[in-house]
Amino acid sequence: MPSILVPSSPPLDVENISRSFDEIQLRWKTIPLDEVNGILLGYYIRYRLTGSGSWKRNRVPPFVLETTIPNLSENSVYEIKVSGYNSKGEGPFSPMLIVKTDGKVDLDCS
């Protein structure tokens, strides 16, 4: 009986599809079925403010291929990477995505 391994490939084509002053929206394609190595249980989205040491992590179910990272700092640069996981653990990360949140727009026209 072959042993089950962590996924051997990251999610594909991770991209930023929208951003605002305090959130970033991402989309990706699933890990190829022959590289999941078992049943895909979900995805981890790791992100951090560029230059900070610690990563924050969000988890989404396996059928979700799009998510929003909320509560970010305005006009700031974030590093983002996505991985899939199965019952044996977390697979490799996608290539790092660098995204800058927008600055707030001042609508005071006085």
N, C-alpha and C. Protein backbone atom coordinates (compact mmCIF):
# COMPACT_ATOMS: atom_id res chain seq x y z
N MET A 1 0.84 -1.18 0.00
CA MET A 1 0.00 0.00 0.00
C MET A 1 0.89 1.24 0.00
N PRO A 2 0.72 2.15 -0.96
CA PRO A 2 1.58 3.33 -1.01
C PRO A 2 1.27 4.28 0.14
N SER A 3 2.32 4.95 0.62
CA SER A 3 2.10 5.90 1.71
C SER A 3 1.57 7.22 1.14
N ILE A 4 0.73 7.86 1.92
CA ILE A 4 0.17 9.13 1.50
C ILE A 4 1.13 10.23 1.91
N LEU A 5 1.38 11.16 1.00
CA LEU A 5 2.29 12.27 1.24
C LEU A 5 1.51 13.57 1.24
N VAL A 6 2.17 14.64 1.66
CA VAL A 6 1.56 15.96 1.54
C VAL A 6 1.43 16.30 0.06
N PRO A 7 0.60 17.27 -0.31
CA PRO A 7 0.52 17.65 -1.72
C PRO A 7 1.91 17.99 -2.27
N SER A 8 2.18 17.56 -3.50
CA SER A 8 3.51 17.77 -4.08
C SER A 8 3.60 19.00 -4.96
N SER A 9 2.48 19.72 -5.10
CA SER A 9 2.46 20.92 -5.92
C SER A 9 1.67 22.00 -5.19
N PRO A 10 2.01 23.27 -5.40
CA PRO A 10 1.22 24.35 -4.81
C PRO A 10 -0.01 24.65 -5.66
N PRO A 11 -0.93 25.45 -5.14
CA PRO A 11 -2.02 25.95 -5.98
C PRO A 11 -1.42 26.75 -7.15
N LEU A 12 -2.11 26.76 -8.27
CA LEU A 12 -1.57 27.37 -9.48
C LEU A 12 -2.14 28.77 -9.71
N ASP A 13 -1.35 29.59 -10.39
CA ASP A 13 -1.80 30.90 -10.87
C ASP A 13 -2.45 31.78 -9.80
N VAL A 14 -1.80 31.88 -8.65
CA VAL A 14 -2.31 32.75 -7.58
C VAL A 14 -2.20 34.19 -8.06
N GLU A 15 -3.30 34.94 -7.95
CA GLU A 15 -3.28 36.32 -8.43
C GLU A 15 -4.14 37.21 -7.56
N ASN A 16 -3.77 38.49 -7.53
CA ASN A 16 -4.56 39.51 -6.86
C ASN A 16 -5.62 39.98 -7.86
N ILE A 17 -6.90 39.90 -7.49
CA ILE A 17 -7.95 40.32 -8.42
C ILE A 17 -8.62 41.62 -8.00
N SER A 18 -8.38 42.04 -6.76
CA SER A 18 -8.98 43.28 -6.29
C SER A 18 -8.28 43.69 -5.00
N ARG A 19 -8.25 44.99 -4.74
CA ARG A 19 -7.70 45.46 -3.48
C ARG A 19 -8.35 46.79 -3.13
N SER A 20 -8.30 47.11 -1.84
CA SER A 20 -8.80 48.39 -1.37
C SER A 20 -7.79 48.89 -0.33
N PHE A 21 -8.19 49.86 0.47
CA PHE A 21 -7.25 50.38 1.45
C PHE A 21 -7.04 49.43 2.62
N ASP A 22 -7.96 48.46 2.83
CA ASP A 22 -7.80 47.58 3.98
C ASP A 22 -8.03 46.09 3.69
N GLU A 23 -8.09 45.70 2.40
CA GLU A 23 -8.23 44.27 2.08
C GLU A 23 -7.67 43.96 0.69
N ILE A 24 -7.33 42.68 0.53
CA ILE A 24 -6.82 42.16 -0.74
C ILE A 24 -7.61 40.92 -1.09
N GLN A 25 -8.06 40.84 -2.34
CA GLN A 25 -8.81 39.67 -2.80
C GLN A 25 -7.92 38.86 -3.73
N LEU A 26 -7.89 37.54 -3.50
CA LEU A 26 -7.04 36.61 -4.25
C LEU A 26 -7.89 35.57 -4.96
N ARG A 27 -7.29 35.00 -6.02
CA ARG A 27 -7.89 33.88 -6.75
C ARG A 27 -6.76 32.94 -7.15
N TRP A 28 -7.03 31.65 -7.25
CA TRP A 28 -6.04 30.67 -7.68
C TRP A 28 -6.74 29.49 -8.33
N LYS A 29 -5.94 28.63 -8.93
CA LYS A 29 -6.44 27.39 -9.51
C LYS A 29 -6.01 26.24 -8.61
N THR A 30 -6.81 25.21 -8.61
CA THR A 30 -6.57 24.08 -7.71
C THR A 30 -5.28 23.34 -8.03
N ILE A 31 -4.82 22.60 -7.07
CA ILE A 31 -3.66 21.72 -7.25
C ILE A 31 -4.08 20.59 -8.19
N PRO A 32 -3.26 20.24 -9.19
CA PRO A 32 -3.62 19.12 -10.07
C PRO A 32 -3.94 17.86 -9.24
N LEU A 33 -5.00 17.14 -9.60
CA LEU A 33 -5.46 15.99 -8.82
C LEU A 33 -4.38 14.94 -8.59
N ASP A 34 -3.53 14.72 -9.58
CA ASP A 34 -2.48 13.69 -9.41
C ASP A 34 -1.34 14.17 -8.50
N GLU A 35 -1.41 15.43 -8.02
CA GLU A 35 -0.37 15.95 -7.12
C GLU A 35 -0.91 16.29 -5.73
N VAL A 36 -2.19 15.99 -5.50
CA VAL A 36 -2.78 16.24 -4.18
C VAL A 36 -2.33 15.17 -3.18
N ASN A 37 -2.10 13.93 -3.67
CA ASN A 37 -1.64 12.82 -2.82
C ASN A 37 -2.62 12.51 -1.70
N GLY A 38 -3.84 12.24 -2.06
CA GLY A 38 -4.88 11.94 -1.09
C GLY A 38 -6.06 12.86 -1.34
N ILE A 39 -6.71 13.25 -0.27
CA ILE A 39 -7.87 14.14 -0.37
C ILE A 39 -7.45 15.54 0.08
N LEU A 40 -7.69 16.51 -0.77
CA LEU A 40 -7.38 17.90 -0.43
C LEU A 40 -8.38 18.38 0.62
N LEU A 41 -7.86 18.83 1.76
CA LEU A 41 -8.72 19.28 2.85
C LEU A 41 -8.93 20.79 2.85
N GLY A 42 -8.08 21.53 2.14
CA GLY A 42 -8.24 22.98 2.09
C GLY A 42 -6.96 23.67 1.70
N TYR A 43 -6.99 25.00 1.84
CA TYR A 43 -5.85 25.84 1.50
C TYR A 43 -5.50 26.74 2.67
N TYR A 44 -4.22 27.01 2.82
CA TYR A 44 -3.74 28.01 3.77
C TYR A 44 -3.29 29.23 2.98
N ILE A 45 -3.73 30.38 3.41
CA ILE A 45 -3.28 31.64 2.83
C ILE A 45 -2.43 32.29 3.90
N ARG A 46 -1.15 32.45 3.62
CA ARG A 46 -0.24 33.09 4.57
C ARG A 46 0.11 34.47 4.04
N TYR A 47 0.15 35.42 4.93
CA TYR A 47 0.44 36.79 4.52
C TYR A 47 1.12 37.54 5.65
N ARG A 48 1.90 38.55 5.27
CA ARG A 48 2.54 39.41 6.25
C ARG A 48 2.87 40.74 5.61
N LEU A 49 2.97 41.73 6.46
CA LEU A 49 3.44 43.03 6.04
C LEU A 49 4.91 42.87 5.68
N THR A 50 5.32 43.36 4.51
CA THR A 50 6.72 43.21 4.10
C THR A 50 7.63 43.78 5.18
N GLY A 51 8.63 42.99 5.54
CA GLY A 51 9.58 43.42 6.56
C GLY A 51 9.26 42.91 7.95
N SER A 52 8.03 42.42 8.15
CA SER A 52 7.71 41.86 9.46
C SER A 52 8.13 40.40 9.49
N GLY A 53 8.38 39.88 10.64
CA GLY A 53 8.88 38.52 10.74
C GLY A 53 7.82 37.45 10.77
N SER A 54 6.64 37.76 11.28
CA SER A 54 5.66 36.71 11.50
C SER A 54 4.58 36.70 10.42
N TRP A 55 4.19 35.48 10.04
CA TRP A 55 3.14 35.27 9.04
C TRP A 55 1.81 35.08 9.74
N LYS A 56 0.76 35.62 9.18
CA LYS A 56 -0.60 35.33 9.62
C LYS A 56 -1.14 34.28 8.66
N ARG A 57 -2.13 33.50 9.13
CA ARG A 57 -2.64 32.41 8.31
C ARG A 57 -4.15 32.38 8.33
N ASN A 58 -4.74 32.29 7.15
CA ASN A 58 -6.18 32.05 6.99
C ASN A 58 -6.33 30.67 6.36
N ARG A 59 -7.42 30.00 6.68
CA ARG A 59 -7.69 28.68 6.11
C ARG A 59 -9.02 28.73 5.39
N VAL A 60 -9.07 28.14 4.19
CA VAL A 60 -10.32 28.06 3.44
C VAL A 60 -10.54 26.62 3.00
N PRO A 61 -11.81 26.22 2.78
CA PRO A 61 -12.12 24.85 2.36
C PRO A 61 -11.62 24.55 0.95
N PRO A 62 -11.55 23.27 0.59
CA PRO A 62 -10.96 22.88 -0.69
C PRO A 62 -11.74 23.32 -1.92
N PHE A 63 -13.02 23.59 -1.78
CA PHE A 63 -13.83 24.01 -2.92
C PHE A 63 -13.79 25.52 -3.14
N VAL A 64 -13.12 26.25 -2.26
CA VAL A 64 -13.00 27.71 -2.38
C VAL A 64 -11.70 28.04 -3.11
N LEU A 65 -11.81 28.80 -4.20
CA LEU A 65 -10.63 29.17 -5.00
C LEU A 65 -10.47 30.68 -5.08
N GLU A 66 -11.07 31.38 -4.11
CA GLU A 66 -11.01 32.83 -4.06
C GLU A 66 -11.26 33.24 -2.61
N THR A 67 -10.53 34.23 -2.12
CA THR A 67 -10.76 34.69 -0.76
C THR A 67 -10.33 36.14 -0.61
N THR A 68 -10.77 36.75 0.45
CA THR A 68 -10.40 38.13 0.77
C THR A 68 -9.64 38.12 2.09
N ILE A 69 -8.52 38.82 2.11
CA ILE A 69 -7.76 39.02 3.34
C ILE A 69 -8.18 40.39 3.89
N PRO A 70 -8.89 40.42 5.03
CA PRO A 70 -9.41 41.69 5.55
C PRO A 70 -8.49 42.31 6.61
N ASN A 71 -8.88 43.49 7.07
CA ASN A 71 -8.24 44.16 8.21
C ASN A 71 -6.75 44.44 8.01
N LEU A 72 -6.39 44.89 6.82
CA LEU A 72 -5.00 45.21 6.52
C LEU A 72 -4.75 46.71 6.73
N SER A 73 -3.50 47.08 6.74
CA SER A 73 -3.12 48.49 6.88
C SER A 73 -3.17 49.16 5.52
N GLU A 74 -3.61 50.41 5.49
CA GLU A 74 -3.70 51.11 4.22
C GLU A 74 -2.32 51.49 3.70
N ASN A 75 -2.21 51.56 2.37
CA ASN A 75 -0.99 52.00 1.70
C ASN A 75 0.24 51.20 2.16
N SER A 76 0.07 49.88 2.28
CA SER A 76 1.12 49.01 2.79
C SER A 76 1.36 47.83 1.84
N VAL A 77 2.58 47.32 1.84
CA VAL A 77 2.95 46.22 0.95
C VAL A 77 2.92 44.90 1.72
N TYR A 78 2.23 43.92 1.15
CA TYR A 78 2.09 42.61 1.78
C TYR A 78 2.69 41.51 0.90
N GLU A 79 3.25 40.51 1.56
CA GLU A 79 3.73 39.29 0.91
C GLU A 79 2.68 38.22 1.17
N ILE A 80 2.31 37.50 0.11
CA ILE A 80 1.23 36.51 0.22
C ILE A 80 1.66 35.23 -0.48
N LYS A 81 1.35 34.09 0.14
CA LYS A 81 1.60 32.80 -0.49
C LYS A 81 0.49 31.83 -0.08
N VAL A 82 0.22 30.85 -0.95
CA VAL A 82 -0.89 29.93 -0.74
C VAL A 82 -0.38 28.49 -0.85
N SER A 83 -0.87 27.63 0.01
CA SER A 83 -0.53 26.20 -0.06
C SER A 83 -1.80 25.38 0.14
N GLY A 84 -1.74 24.12 -0.26
CA GLY A 84 -2.83 23.19 -0.02
C GLY A 84 -2.41 22.21 1.05
N TYR A 85 -3.39 21.58 1.70
CA TYR A 85 -3.04 20.57 2.70
C TYR A 85 -4.00 19.39 2.62
N ASN A 86 -3.48 18.25 3.04
CA ASN A 86 -4.27 17.02 3.13
C ASN A 86 -4.08 16.44 4.53
N SER A 87 -4.47 15.20 4.74
CA SER A 87 -4.40 14.60 6.08
C SER A 87 -2.96 14.44 6.58
N LYS A 88 -1.98 14.47 5.69
CA LYS A 88 -0.58 14.33 6.09
C LYS A 88 0.11 15.67 6.33
N GLY A 89 -0.53 16.77 5.92
CA GLY A 89 0.08 18.07 6.20
C GLY A 89 0.03 19.02 5.02
N GLU A 90 0.83 20.06 5.13
CA GLU A 90 0.83 21.16 4.18
C GLU A 90 1.85 20.93 3.07
N GLY A 91 1.43 21.22 1.84
CA GLY A 91 2.31 21.10 0.69
C GLY A 91 3.11 22.38 0.46
N PRO A 92 3.79 22.46 -0.67
CA PRO A 92 4.63 23.63 -0.97
C PRO A 92 3.79 24.88 -1.23
N PHE A 93 4.44 26.02 -1.03
CA PHE A 93 3.79 27.30 -1.25
C PHE A 93 3.84 27.71 -2.72
N SER A 94 2.85 28.49 -3.11
CA SER A 94 2.87 29.14 -4.42
C SER A 94 3.99 30.18 -4.42
N PRO A 95 4.40 30.64 -5.60
CA PRO A 95 5.37 31.74 -5.63
C PRO A 95 4.80 32.94 -4.86
N MET A 96 5.69 33.68 -4.23
CA MET A 96 5.29 34.85 -3.43
C MET A 96 4.60 35.90 -4.29
N LEU A 97 3.50 36.42 -3.79
CA LEU A 97 2.77 37.49 -4.45
C LEU A 97 2.97 38.75 -3.60
N ILE A 98 3.34 39.85 -4.23
CA ILE A 98 3.55 41.12 -3.54
C ILE A 98 2.42 42.07 -3.96
N VAL A 99 1.65 42.55 -2.98
CA VAL A 99 0.50 43.41 -3.27
C VAL A 99 0.50 44.59 -2.31
N LYS A 100 0.26 45.77 -2.85
CA LYS A 100 0.16 46.98 -2.02
C LYS A 100 -1.31 47.39 -1.90
N THR A 101 -1.73 47.62 -0.66
CA THR A 101 -3.09 48.12 -0.45
C THR A 101 -3.14 49.59 -0.87
N ASP A 102 -4.35 50.03 -1.19
CA ASP A 102 -4.54 51.42 -1.61
C ASP A 102 -4.50 52.35 -0.40
N GLY A 103 -4.32 53.64 -0.67
CA GLY A 103 -4.47 54.65 0.36
C GLY A 103 -5.92 55.10 0.37
N LYS A 104 -6.36 55.60 1.50
CA LYS A 104 -7.74 56.11 1.58
C LYS A 104 -7.85 57.36 0.71
N VAL A 105 -9.00 57.51 0.10
CA VAL A 105 -9.27 58.68 -0.73
C VAL A 105 -10.01 59.71 0.12
N ASP A 106 -9.49 60.92 0.14
CA ASP A 106 -10.13 62.01 0.88
C ASP A 106 -11.21 62.62 0.00
N LEU A 107 -12.46 62.47 0.41
CA LEU A 107 -13.58 62.97 -0.38
C LEU A 107 -14.04 64.35 0.06
N ASP A 108 -13.32 64.97 0.98
CA ASP A 108 -13.68 66.31 1.44
C ASP A 108 -13.32 67.32 0.37
N CYS A 109 -14.29 67.90 -0.26
CA CYS A 109 -14.06 68.82 -1.38
C CYS A 109 -14.16 70.29 -0.96
N SER A 110 -14.12 70.56 0.36
CA SER A 110 -14.26 71.94 0.81
C SER A 110 -13.00 72.75 0.63
